[in-house]
């Protein structure tokens, strides 16, 4: 299970600003995606799993060179990752050793190639949330599942979290439910907000 045909919100905002012609606009998105999964605690860190749709269709337009509008219908495949929220000064790193994905409707069950795993991801602080630190492992490649076809998915992850008090390894499980959402986002981003996004350790890698 492993082409960007749409315009995600953050990319849309960046295009607006890079053009130097507009700093505001809106984008309407309809997403066939997954949500839920819950939170699991490993060595004191809160672990979650998340996906972002990378397929679909969309576009944007410009009015009077000062306002941009976009729309997109988003679907699989997905970029996907394992996220950890810890305590600054306590949690040091997270390592994902194995990952397995199972689909409920089509009954697919696959282990992700281990040669792409095992990366030690350090916990990084974020100045806007003092005391917290984040480690994010974005799994290479794309997760080729489709909510309307494959149904719910189960992500099984064998991971370890290292802190100043030691390392703990645990197999955790997340159940992500399919769903369709619609969102209208108005964008008016000065350059300093884009800079903050770049410094946020939780930002997705497009």
N, C-alpha and C. Protein backbone atom coordinates (compact mmCIF):
# COMPACT_ATOMS: atom_id res chain seq x y z
N UNK A 1 0.86 -1.17 0.00
CA UNK A 1 0.00 0.00 0.00
C UNK A 1 0.91 1.24 0.00
N UNK A 2 1.23 1.46 -0.80
CA UNK A 2 2.08 2.63 -0.69
C UNK A 2 1.58 3.53 -1.81
N UNK A 3 1.76 12.78 -7.59
CA UNK A 3 0.68 13.18 -8.38
C UNK A 3 -0.20 14.08 -7.54
N UNK A 4 0.04 14.87 -7.42
CA UNK A 4 -0.78 15.81 -6.67
C UNK A 4 -1.80 16.39 -7.61
N UNK A 5 -3.07 15.95 -7.50
CA UNK A 5 -4.12 16.36 -8.42
C UNK A 5 -5.04 17.42 -7.82
N UNK A 6 -4.74 17.89 -6.63
CA UNK A 6 -5.61 18.85 -5.99
C UNK A 6 -4.77 19.95 -5.37
N UNK A 7 -5.44 20.93 -4.79
CA UNK A 7 -4.76 22.06 -4.19
C UNK A 7 -5.09 22.12 -2.71
N UNK A 8 -4.25 21.53 -1.83
CA UNK A 8 -4.53 21.54 -0.40
C UNK A 8 -4.47 22.96 0.14
N UNK A 9 -5.14 23.17 1.30
CA UNK A 9 -5.26 24.51 1.84
C UNK A 9 -3.95 25.22 2.04
N UNK A 10 -2.97 24.54 2.62
CA UNK A 10 -1.71 25.22 2.91
C UNK A 10 -0.97 25.56 1.63
N UNK A 11 -0.97 24.64 0.65
CA UNK A 11 -0.31 24.92 -0.61
C UNK A 11 -0.99 26.07 -1.33
N UNK A 12 -2.31 26.10 -1.25
CA UNK A 12 -3.06 27.20 -1.86
C UNK A 12 -2.62 28.53 -1.26
N UNK A 13 -2.51 28.58 0.08
CA UNK A 13 -2.10 29.82 0.73
C UNK A 13 -0.71 30.23 0.31
N UNK A 14 0.18 29.27 0.18
CA UNK A 14 1.55 29.58 -0.23
C UNK A 14 1.58 30.16 -1.63
N UNK A 15 0.78 29.58 -2.54
CA UNK A 15 0.74 30.10 -3.90
C UNK A 15 0.24 31.53 -3.91
N UNK A 16 -0.74 31.81 -3.07
CA UNK A 16 -1.26 33.17 -2.99
C UNK A 16 -0.16 34.14 -2.61
N UNK A 17 0.61 33.77 -1.58
CA UNK A 17 1.62 34.69 -1.07
C UNK A 17 2.81 34.78 -1.99
N UNK A 18 3.23 33.66 -2.54
CA UNK A 18 4.38 33.67 -3.42
C UNK A 18 4.13 34.53 -4.64
N UNK A 19 2.90 34.56 -5.11
CA UNK A 19 2.60 35.33 -6.30
C UNK A 19 2.85 36.81 -6.08
N UNK A 20 2.76 37.27 -4.82
CA UNK A 20 2.97 38.67 -4.53
C UNK A 20 1.81 39.53 -4.98
N UNK A 21 0.72 38.93 -5.43
CA UNK A 21 -0.40 39.68 -5.98
C UNK A 21 -1.61 39.65 -5.06
N UNK A 22 -1.64 38.67 -4.18
CA UNK A 22 -2.81 38.54 -3.33
C UNK A 22 -2.41 37.89 -2.02
N UNK A 23 -3.09 38.29 -0.95
CA UNK A 23 -2.84 37.66 0.35
C UNK A 23 -4.12 37.14 0.95
N UNK A 24 -5.16 37.03 0.14
CA UNK A 24 -6.41 36.52 0.69
C UNK A 24 -7.14 35.71 -0.36
N UNK A 25 -8.10 34.93 0.09
CA UNK A 25 -8.87 34.11 -0.82
C UNK A 25 -9.63 33.07 -0.04
N UNK A 26 -10.18 32.08 -0.75
CA UNK A 26 -10.87 31.00 -0.07
C UNK A 26 -10.72 29.73 -0.88
N UNK A 27 -10.90 28.61 -0.19
CA UNK A 27 -10.88 27.32 -0.85
C UNK A 27 -11.96 26.44 -0.24
N UNK A 28 -12.72 25.79 -1.10
CA UNK A 28 -13.78 24.88 -0.68
C UNK A 28 -13.31 23.46 -0.95
N UNK A 29 -13.34 22.62 0.05
CA UNK A 29 -12.90 21.24 -0.12
C UNK A 29 -13.96 20.26 0.35
N UNK A 30 -14.07 19.18 -0.40
CA UNK A 30 -14.88 18.03 -0.01
C UNK A 30 -13.93 16.85 0.08
N UNK A 31 -13.80 16.29 1.24
CA UNK A 31 -12.78 15.28 1.47
C UNK A 31 -13.38 13.92 1.78
N UNK A 32 -12.93 12.89 1.04
CA UNK A 32 -13.19 11.50 1.38
C UNK A 32 -11.94 11.03 2.13
N UNK A 33 -12.02 10.95 3.44
CA UNK A 33 -10.81 10.71 4.22
C UNK A 33 -11.11 9.81 5.41
N UNK A 34 -10.19 9.80 6.38
CA UNK A 34 -10.32 8.99 7.59
C UNK A 34 -10.13 9.88 8.82
N UNK A 35 -10.79 9.52 9.89
CA UNK A 35 -10.66 10.26 11.13
C UNK A 35 -10.72 9.29 12.30
N UNK A 36 -10.48 9.84 13.48
CA UNK A 36 -10.52 9.01 14.67
C UNK A 36 -9.18 8.33 14.90
N UNK A 37 -9.22 7.18 15.50
CA UNK A 37 -7.99 6.46 15.77
C UNK A 37 -7.62 6.45 17.24
N UNK A 38 -8.02 7.51 17.95
CA UNK A 38 -7.74 7.56 19.38
C UNK A 38 -6.31 7.90 19.71
N UNK A 39 -6.02 7.88 21.01
CA UNK A 39 -4.69 8.22 21.54
C UNK A 39 -4.19 7.07 22.39
N UNK A 40 -2.93 6.72 22.19
CA UNK A 40 -2.28 5.68 23.00
C UNK A 40 -1.07 6.30 23.69
N UNK A 41 -0.85 5.96 24.94
CA UNK A 41 0.30 6.50 25.68
C UNK A 41 1.43 5.48 25.72
N UNK A 42 2.62 5.92 25.32
CA UNK A 42 3.82 5.09 25.37
C UNK A 42 4.91 5.89 26.07
N UNK A 43 5.38 5.38 27.20
CA UNK A 43 6.46 6.03 27.96
C UNK A 43 6.12 7.49 28.28
N UNK A 44 4.85 7.76 28.52
CA UNK A 44 4.41 9.09 28.90
C UNK A 44 4.08 10.01 27.73
N UNK A 45 4.34 9.58 26.50
CA UNK A 45 4.03 10.39 25.31
C UNK A 45 2.70 9.95 24.71
N UNK A 46 1.95 10.90 24.18
CA UNK A 46 0.65 10.62 23.56
C UNK A 46 0.87 10.34 22.07
N UNK A 47 0.48 9.13 21.64
CA UNK A 47 0.73 8.69 20.26
C UNK A 47 -0.58 8.65 19.49
N UNK A 48 -0.58 9.21 18.27
CA UNK A 48 -1.74 9.17 17.39
C UNK A 48 -1.28 8.83 15.97
N UNK A 49 -2.25 8.52 15.11
CA UNK A 49 -1.97 8.27 13.70
C UNK A 49 -2.89 9.16 12.88
N UNK A 50 -2.39 9.66 11.73
CA UNK A 50 -3.20 10.56 10.91
C UNK A 50 -2.86 10.37 9.44
N UNK A 51 -3.81 10.71 8.58
CA UNK A 51 -3.61 10.64 7.13
C UNK A 51 -4.08 11.95 6.49
N UNK A 52 -3.54 12.26 5.30
CA UNK A 52 -3.97 13.41 4.51
C UNK A 52 -4.19 12.95 3.08
N UNK A 53 -5.36 13.27 2.49
CA UNK A 53 -5.63 12.82 1.12
C UNK A 53 -4.75 13.52 0.10
N UNK A 54 -4.29 12.76 -0.89
CA UNK A 54 -3.41 13.28 -1.93
C UNK A 54 -4.00 13.15 -3.32
N UNK A 55 -5.16 12.54 -3.44
CA UNK A 55 -5.79 12.36 -4.75
C UNK A 55 -7.03 13.21 -4.87
N UNK A 56 -7.56 13.27 -6.08
CA UNK A 56 -8.77 14.04 -6.32
C UNK A 56 -8.59 15.04 -7.43
N UNK A 57 -9.51 15.99 -7.52
CA UNK A 57 -9.47 16.99 -8.56
C UNK A 57 -9.75 18.36 -7.96
N UNK A 58 -9.23 19.41 -8.60
CA UNK A 58 -9.48 20.74 -8.11
C UNK A 58 -8.78 21.79 -8.94
N UNK A 59 -8.90 23.01 -8.51
CA UNK A 59 -8.25 24.10 -9.22
C UNK A 59 -8.49 25.40 -8.49
N UNK A 60 -7.99 26.52 -9.09
CA UNK A 60 -8.20 27.81 -8.45
C UNK A 60 -8.31 28.87 -9.53
N UNK A 61 -8.83 30.03 -9.13
CA UNK A 61 -8.98 31.14 -10.06
C UNK A 61 -8.64 32.43 -9.35
N UNK A 62 -8.35 33.48 -10.14
CA UNK A 62 -7.99 34.77 -9.57
C UNK A 62 -8.95 35.83 -10.08
N UNK A 63 -9.41 36.69 -9.18
CA UNK A 63 -10.33 37.76 -9.55
C UNK A 63 -9.67 39.10 -9.30
N UNK A 64 -9.57 39.92 -10.35
CA UNK A 64 -9.00 41.27 -10.27
C UNK A 64 -7.58 41.26 -9.71
N UNK A 65 -6.91 40.13 -9.80
CA UNK A 65 -5.52 39.98 -9.36
C UNK A 65 -5.31 40.22 -7.86
N UNK A 66 -6.41 40.22 -7.11
CA UNK A 66 -6.26 40.48 -5.69
C UNK A 66 -6.93 39.42 -4.81
N UNK A 67 -7.75 38.57 -5.41
CA UNK A 67 -8.47 37.57 -4.61
C UNK A 67 -8.45 36.25 -5.36
N UNK A 68 -8.14 35.16 -4.64
CA UNK A 68 -8.08 33.86 -5.27
C UNK A 68 -9.10 32.92 -4.64
N UNK A 69 -9.68 32.07 -5.47
CA UNK A 69 -10.67 31.10 -4.99
C UNK A 69 -10.32 29.72 -5.52
N UNK A 70 -10.48 28.71 -4.69
CA UNK A 70 -10.16 27.35 -5.11
C UNK A 70 -11.20 26.37 -4.62
N UNK A 71 -11.25 25.22 -5.27
CA UNK A 71 -12.14 24.14 -4.83
C UNK A 71 -11.46 22.82 -5.12
N UNK A 72 -11.79 21.83 -4.34
CA UNK A 72 -11.15 20.52 -4.53
C UNK A 72 -12.03 19.43 -3.94
N UNK A 73 -12.01 18.27 -4.59
CA UNK A 73 -12.58 17.05 -4.03
C UNK A 73 -11.41 16.12 -3.76
N UNK A 74 -11.19 15.82 -2.50
CA UNK A 74 -10.00 15.09 -2.09
C UNK A 74 -10.33 13.63 -1.78
N UNK A 75 -9.38 12.75 -2.11
CA UNK A 75 -9.57 11.32 -1.94
C UNK A 75 -8.20 10.66 -1.80
N UNK A 76 -8.20 9.33 -1.64
CA UNK A 76 -6.95 8.60 -1.57
C UNK A 76 -6.24 8.60 -2.92
N UNK A 77 -4.96 8.22 -2.95
CA UNK A 77 -4.17 7.72 -1.82
C UNK A 77 -3.80 8.83 -0.83
N UNK A 78 -3.17 8.42 0.28
CA UNK A 78 -2.90 9.34 1.37
C UNK A 78 -1.42 9.38 1.72
N UNK A 79 -0.96 10.54 2.21
CA UNK A 79 0.27 10.55 2.98
C UNK A 79 -0.14 10.24 4.42
N UNK A 80 0.72 9.58 5.16
CA UNK A 80 0.32 9.11 6.49
C UNK A 80 1.50 9.16 7.44
N UNK A 81 1.18 9.22 8.73
CA UNK A 81 2.25 9.37 9.71
C UNK A 81 1.83 8.92 11.10
N UNK A 82 2.83 8.75 11.95
CA UNK A 82 2.65 8.48 13.37
C UNK A 82 3.13 9.72 14.12
N UNK A 83 2.30 10.23 15.04
CA UNK A 83 2.61 11.47 15.75
C UNK A 83 2.75 11.20 17.24
N UNK A 84 3.66 11.95 17.88
CA UNK A 84 3.83 11.82 19.33
C UNK A 84 3.91 13.21 19.96
N UNK A 85 3.19 13.38 21.04
CA UNK A 85 3.26 14.62 21.82
C UNK A 85 3.84 14.29 23.19
N UNK A 86 4.95 14.95 23.52
CA UNK A 86 5.61 14.67 24.78
C UNK A 86 5.93 15.93 25.55
N UNK A 87 6.81 15.79 26.52
CA UNK A 87 7.18 16.89 27.40
C UNK A 87 8.60 17.35 27.06
N UNK A 88 8.74 18.65 26.85
CA UNK A 88 10.06 19.20 26.55
C UNK A 88 11.02 18.94 27.71
N UNK A 89 12.22 18.45 27.38
CA UNK A 89 13.21 18.14 28.40
C UNK A 89 13.10 16.74 28.95
N UNK A 90 11.99 16.05 28.68
CA UNK A 90 11.81 14.68 29.15
C UNK A 90 11.87 13.69 28.00
N UNK A 91 11.07 13.90 26.98
CA UNK A 91 11.03 12.96 25.84
C UNK A 91 12.08 13.34 24.80
N UNK A 92 12.80 12.33 24.31
CA UNK A 92 13.93 12.58 23.43
C UNK A 92 13.68 12.15 21.98
N UNK A 93 13.11 10.97 21.76
CA UNK A 93 12.92 10.52 20.38
C UNK A 93 11.86 9.43 20.30
N UNK A 94 11.36 9.23 19.07
CA UNK A 94 10.42 8.15 18.77
C UNK A 94 10.95 7.39 17.55
N UNK A 95 10.82 6.07 17.57
CA UNK A 95 11.23 5.23 16.45
C UNK A 95 10.10 4.26 16.11
N UNK A 96 9.70 4.26 14.84
CA UNK A 96 8.68 3.32 14.36
C UNK A 96 9.40 2.15 13.71
N UNK A 97 9.22 0.94 14.26
CA UNK A 97 9.95 -0.25 13.80
C UNK A 97 9.17 -1.05 12.75
N UNK A 98 7.87 -1.18 12.94
CA UNK A 98 7.03 -1.95 12.00
C UNK A 98 5.66 -1.30 11.90
N UNK A 99 5.03 -1.40 10.73
CA UNK A 99 3.68 -0.88 10.53
C UNK A 99 2.89 -1.84 9.66
N UNK A 100 1.66 -2.12 10.05
CA UNK A 100 0.77 -2.98 9.28
C UNK A 100 -0.57 -2.27 9.09
N UNK A 101 -1.14 -2.39 7.90
CA UNK A 101 -2.44 -1.77 7.60
C UNK A 101 -3.41 -2.86 7.14
N UNK A 102 -4.60 -2.85 7.73
CA UNK A 102 -5.65 -3.79 7.36
C UNK A 102 -6.91 -3.01 6.98
N UNK A 103 -7.57 -3.41 5.89
CA UNK A 103 -8.80 -2.75 5.45
C UNK A 103 -10.00 -3.63 5.79
N UNK A 104 -11.09 -3.01 6.24
CA UNK A 104 -12.23 -3.77 6.73
C UNK A 104 -13.10 -4.35 5.61
N UNK A 105 -13.28 -3.61 4.51
CA UNK A 105 -14.18 -4.04 3.45
C UNK A 105 -13.50 -4.94 2.44
N UNK A 106 -12.34 -4.53 1.95
CA UNK A 106 -11.64 -5.31 0.92
C UNK A 106 -10.70 -6.36 1.51
N UNK A 107 -10.56 -6.37 2.84
CA UNK A 107 -9.81 -7.42 3.55
C UNK A 107 -8.34 -7.49 3.15
N UNK A 108 -7.77 -6.36 2.80
CA UNK A 108 -6.33 -6.34 2.53
C UNK A 108 -5.57 -6.21 3.85
N UNK A 109 -4.41 -6.84 3.92
CA UNK A 109 -3.60 -6.78 5.13
C UNK A 109 -2.13 -6.83 4.71
N UNK A 110 -1.41 -5.73 4.94
CA UNK A 110 -0.04 -5.64 4.45
C UNK A 110 0.87 -4.98 5.47
N UNK A 111 2.08 -5.54 5.60
CA UNK A 111 3.14 -4.91 6.37
C UNK A 111 3.90 -3.93 5.48
N UNK A 112 4.19 -2.76 6.02
CA UNK A 112 4.99 -1.80 5.26
C UNK A 112 6.44 -2.27 5.26
N UNK A 113 7.18 -2.12 4.13
CA UNK A 113 8.57 -2.59 4.07
C UNK A 113 9.43 -2.01 5.19
N UNK A 114 10.04 -2.88 5.96
CA UNK A 114 10.79 -2.44 7.15
C UNK A 114 12.02 -1.61 6.80
N UNK A 115 12.52 -1.75 5.56
CA UNK A 115 13.72 -1.00 5.19
C UNK A 115 13.47 0.51 5.17
N UNK A 116 12.21 0.91 5.11
CA UNK A 116 11.87 2.34 5.11
C UNK A 116 11.55 2.85 6.52
N UNK A 117 11.64 1.98 7.51
CA UNK A 117 11.31 2.35 8.88
C UNK A 117 12.57 2.39 9.74
N UNK A 118 12.39 2.54 11.03
CA UNK A 118 13.53 2.55 11.94
C UNK A 118 14.24 3.89 12.07
N UNK A 119 13.65 4.95 11.55
CA UNK A 119 14.25 6.29 11.64
C UNK A 119 13.99 6.85 13.04
N UNK A 120 15.04 7.37 13.66
CA UNK A 120 14.91 7.98 14.98
C UNK A 120 14.47 9.43 14.80
N UNK A 121 13.25 9.72 15.24
CA UNK A 121 12.70 11.07 15.11
C UNK A 121 12.79 11.79 16.46
N UNK A 122 13.56 12.87 16.54
CA UNK A 122 13.70 13.58 17.82
C UNK A 122 12.44 14.37 18.16
N UNK A 123 12.19 14.54 19.44
CA UNK A 123 11.13 15.43 19.89
C UNK A 123 11.61 16.87 19.75
N UNK A 124 10.78 17.71 19.14
CA UNK A 124 11.14 19.11 18.90
C UNK A 124 10.13 20.03 19.59
N UNK A 125 10.63 21.08 20.23
CA UNK A 125 9.71 22.03 20.89
C UNK A 125 9.08 22.96 19.87
N UNK A 126 7.98 23.59 20.27
CA UNK A 126 7.30 24.59 19.46
C UNK A 126 7.05 25.78 20.36
N UNK A 127 7.59 26.95 19.97
CA UNK A 127 7.58 28.11 20.88
C UNK A 127 6.18 28.56 21.28
N UNK A 128 5.18 28.28 20.44
CA UNK A 128 3.83 28.70 20.76
C UNK A 128 3.14 27.77 21.77
N UNK A 129 3.78 26.63 22.07
CA UNK A 129 3.24 25.71 23.06
C UNK A 129 4.36 25.32 24.02
N UNK A 130 4.74 26.24 24.89
CA UNK A 130 5.85 25.98 25.81
C UNK A 130 5.63 24.76 26.69
N UNK A 131 6.69 24.01 26.88
CA UNK A 131 6.62 22.82 27.72
C UNK A 131 6.33 21.56 26.96
N UNK A 132 5.82 21.70 25.73
CA UNK A 132 5.51 20.52 24.92
C UNK A 132 6.59 20.30 23.86
N UNK A 133 6.67 19.05 23.40
CA UNK A 133 7.59 18.70 22.32
C UNK A 133 6.91 17.65 21.45
N UNK A 134 7.27 17.65 20.16
CA UNK A 134 6.58 16.78 19.20
C UNK A 134 7.59 15.98 18.37
N UNK A 135 7.27 14.71 18.15
CA UNK A 135 8.03 13.86 17.24
C UNK A 135 7.05 13.31 16.21
N UNK A 136 7.37 13.46 14.94
CA UNK A 136 6.49 13.03 13.86
C UNK A 136 7.27 12.19 12.87
N UNK A 137 6.78 10.99 12.59
CA UNK A 137 7.38 10.16 11.55
C UNK A 137 6.38 10.03 10.42
N UNK A 138 6.66 10.71 9.32
CA UNK A 138 5.83 10.60 8.13
C UNK A 138 6.33 9.43 7.30
N UNK A 139 5.49 8.42 7.16
CA UNK A 139 5.90 7.17 6.52
C UNK A 139 6.13 7.40 5.03
N UNK A 140 7.26 6.96 4.49
CA UNK A 140 7.58 7.21 3.08
C UNK A 140 6.53 6.62 2.13
N UNK A 141 6.34 7.30 1.00
CA UNK A 141 5.38 6.80 0.02
C UNK A 141 3.96 7.16 0.38
N UNK A 142 3.02 6.55 -0.31
CA UNK A 142 1.60 6.85 -0.12
C UNK A 142 0.84 5.59 0.29
N UNK A 143 -0.15 5.80 1.13
CA UNK A 143 -1.03 4.73 1.58
C UNK A 143 -2.16 4.61 0.56
N UNK A 144 -2.14 3.55 -0.22
CA UNK A 144 -3.10 3.40 -1.32
C UNK A 144 -4.37 2.71 -0.85
N UNK A 145 -5.17 3.47 -0.12
CA UNK A 145 -6.49 3.03 0.29
C UNK A 145 -7.49 4.12 -0.09
N UNK A 146 -8.76 3.71 -0.24
CA UNK A 146 -9.81 4.63 -0.65
C UNK A 146 -11.02 4.41 0.26
N UNK A 147 -11.42 5.44 1.01
CA UNK A 147 -12.47 5.27 2.02
C UNK A 147 -13.75 4.63 1.51
N UNK A 148 -14.22 5.04 0.34
CA UNK A 148 -15.50 4.53 -0.15
C UNK A 148 -15.40 3.09 -0.64
N UNK A 149 -14.19 2.62 -0.92
CA UNK A 149 -13.98 1.26 -1.41
C UNK A 149 -13.48 0.32 -0.32
N UNK A 150 -12.48 0.78 0.43
CA UNK A 150 -11.81 -0.08 1.40
C UNK A 150 -12.46 -0.07 2.78
N UNK A 151 -13.28 0.93 3.07
CA UNK A 151 -13.89 1.01 4.38
C UNK A 151 -12.90 1.43 5.45
N UNK A 152 -13.20 1.10 6.69
CA UNK A 152 -12.33 1.47 7.81
C UNK A 152 -10.98 0.77 7.68
N UNK A 153 -9.95 1.41 8.23
CA UNK A 153 -8.63 0.79 8.22
C UNK A 153 -8.09 0.71 9.64
N UNK A 154 -7.29 -0.31 9.88
CA UNK A 154 -6.61 -0.49 11.16
C UNK A 154 -5.11 -0.37 10.94
N UNK A 155 -4.48 0.53 11.68
CA UNK A 155 -3.04 0.72 11.60
C UNK A 155 -2.41 0.12 12.85
N UNK A 156 -1.54 -0.86 12.66
CA UNK A 156 -0.81 -1.50 13.75
C UNK A 156 0.63 -1.02 13.69
N UNK A 157 1.12 -0.41 14.76
CA UNK A 157 2.47 0.16 14.76
C UNK A 157 3.28 -0.36 15.95
N UNK A 158 4.45 -0.87 15.64
CA UNK A 158 5.42 -1.29 16.65
C UNK A 158 6.43 -0.16 16.79
N UNK A 159 6.41 0.54 17.93
CA UNK A 159 7.25 1.73 18.07
C UNK A 159 7.86 1.82 19.46
N UNK A 160 8.87 2.66 19.56
CA UNK A 160 9.50 2.89 20.86
C UNK A 160 9.67 4.39 21.08
N UNK A 161 9.56 4.79 22.34
CA UNK A 161 9.73 6.18 22.74
C UNK A 161 10.84 6.24 23.79
N UNK A 162 11.82 7.10 23.53
CA UNK A 162 12.95 7.27 24.45
C UNK A 162 12.79 8.57 25.23
N UNK A 163 12.99 8.47 26.52
CA UNK A 163 12.97 9.65 27.38
C UNK A 163 14.22 9.65 28.25
N UNK A 164 14.35 10.66 29.08
CA UNK A 164 15.50 10.73 29.98
C UNK A 164 15.45 9.64 31.04
N UNK A 165 14.27 9.01 31.17
CA UNK A 165 14.10 7.96 32.17
C UNK A 165 14.25 6.56 31.59
N UNK A 166 14.44 6.47 30.25
CA UNK A 166 14.59 5.17 29.63
C UNK A 166 13.79 5.06 28.34
N UNK A 167 13.82 3.87 27.74
CA UNK A 167 13.12 3.61 26.48
C UNK A 167 12.07 2.53 26.67
N UNK A 168 10.90 2.77 26.09
CA UNK A 168 9.86 1.75 26.16
C UNK A 168 9.35 1.47 24.75
N UNK A 169 9.21 0.18 24.42
CA UNK A 169 8.71 -0.25 23.11
C UNK A 169 7.35 -0.92 23.29
N UNK A 170 6.44 -0.62 22.36
CA UNK A 170 5.07 -1.11 22.49
C UNK A 170 4.43 -1.23 21.11
N UNK A 171 3.54 -2.22 20.94
CA UNK A 171 2.74 -2.35 19.73
C UNK A 171 1.39 -1.68 20.00
N UNK A 172 1.06 -0.68 19.18
CA UNK A 172 -0.17 0.07 19.37
C UNK A 172 -1.06 -0.08 18.14
N UNK A 173 -2.35 0.19 18.32
CA UNK A 173 -3.31 0.00 17.24
C UNK A 173 -4.24 1.21 17.14
N UNK A 174 -4.50 1.62 15.90
CA UNK A 174 -5.40 2.73 15.64
C UNK A 174 -6.44 2.29 14.61
N UNK A 175 -7.71 2.56 14.89
CA UNK A 175 -8.78 2.27 13.94
C UNK A 175 -9.30 3.58 13.38
N UNK A 176 -9.11 3.78 12.07
CA UNK A 176 -9.51 5.01 11.40
C UNK A 176 -10.79 4.76 10.61
N UNK A 177 -11.78 5.61 10.84
CA UNK A 177 -13.09 5.44 10.22
C UNK A 177 -13.24 6.34 8.98
N UNK A 178 -13.83 5.81 7.90
CA UNK A 178 -14.01 6.61 6.69
C UNK A 178 -15.13 7.62 6.87
N UNK A 179 -15.06 8.71 6.12
CA UNK A 179 -16.11 9.71 6.18
C UNK A 179 -15.89 10.78 5.13
N UNK A 180 -16.91 11.58 4.90
CA UNK A 180 -16.84 12.68 3.95
C UNK A 180 -17.14 13.98 4.68
N UNK A 181 -16.27 14.95 4.51
CA UNK A 181 -16.45 16.25 5.14
C UNK A 181 -16.34 17.35 4.10
N UNK A 182 -16.98 18.49 4.39
CA UNK A 182 -16.88 19.67 3.53
C UNK A 182 -16.39 20.84 4.37
N UNK A 183 -15.57 21.68 3.76
CA UNK A 183 -15.00 22.79 4.51
C UNK A 183 -14.78 23.98 3.59
N UNK A 184 -15.12 25.16 4.08
CA UNK A 184 -14.85 26.41 3.37
C UNK A 184 -13.88 27.20 4.22
N UNK A 185 -12.66 27.39 3.71
CA UNK A 185 -11.61 28.06 4.46
C UNK A 185 -11.28 29.40 3.82
N UNK A 186 -11.38 30.46 4.62
CA UNK A 186 -10.98 31.78 4.15
C UNK A 186 -9.53 32.03 4.55
N UNK A 187 -8.74 32.52 3.62
CA UNK A 187 -7.30 32.64 3.81
C UNK A 187 -6.89 34.09 3.73
N UNK A 188 -6.21 34.55 4.76
CA UNK A 188 -5.64 35.89 4.76
C UNK A 188 -4.39 35.81 5.62
N UNK A 189 -3.30 35.40 5.02
CA UNK A 189 -2.10 35.04 5.77
C UNK A 189 -0.95 36.00 5.51
N UNK A 190 -0.55 36.79 6.51
CA UNK A 190 0.68 37.56 6.36
C UNK A 190 1.89 36.65 6.40
N UNK A 191 3.02 37.16 5.96
CA UNK A 191 4.22 36.33 5.82
C UNK A 191 4.66 35.72 7.13
N UNK A 192 4.44 36.43 8.26
CA UNK A 192 4.92 35.89 9.53
C UNK A 192 4.18 34.63 9.93
N UNK A 193 2.92 34.48 9.48
CA UNK A 193 2.18 33.25 9.79
C UNK A 193 2.75 32.08 9.01
N UNK A 194 3.11 32.32 7.75
CA UNK A 194 3.76 31.27 6.96
C UNK A 194 5.06 30.86 7.61
N UNK A 195 5.81 31.82 8.16
CA UNK A 195 7.06 31.49 8.84
C UNK A 195 6.80 30.62 10.05
N UNK A 196 5.74 30.91 10.82
CA UNK A 196 5.40 30.09 11.97
C UNK A 196 5.05 28.67 11.55
N UNK A 197 4.35 28.52 10.41
CA UNK A 197 4.01 27.19 9.91
C UNK A 197 5.27 26.40 9.61
N UNK A 198 6.26 27.07 9.01
CA UNK A 198 7.50 26.39 8.66
C UNK A 198 8.23 25.90 9.91
N UNK A 199 8.06 26.58 11.05
CA UNK A 199 8.77 26.22 12.27
C UNK A 199 7.97 25.26 13.14
N UNK A 200 6.77 24.92 12.73
CA UNK A 200 5.92 24.03 13.51
C UNK A 200 6.31 22.58 13.22
N UNK A 201 6.80 21.84 14.23
CA UNK A 201 7.22 20.44 13.99
C UNK A 201 6.07 19.52 13.60
N UNK A 202 4.83 19.99 13.74
CA UNK A 202 3.67 19.16 13.40
C UNK A 202 3.22 19.33 11.96
N UNK A 203 3.85 20.23 11.21
CA UNK A 203 3.45 20.48 9.84
C UNK A 203 3.69 19.24 8.97
N UNK A 204 2.76 19.02 8.02
CA UNK A 204 2.92 17.91 7.08
C UNK A 204 3.99 18.23 6.05
N UNK A 205 4.65 17.20 5.56
CA UNK A 205 5.65 17.33 4.50
C UNK A 205 4.99 16.98 3.17
N UNK A 206 4.71 18.01 2.37
CA UNK A 206 4.03 17.79 1.10
C UNK A 206 5.01 17.34 0.04
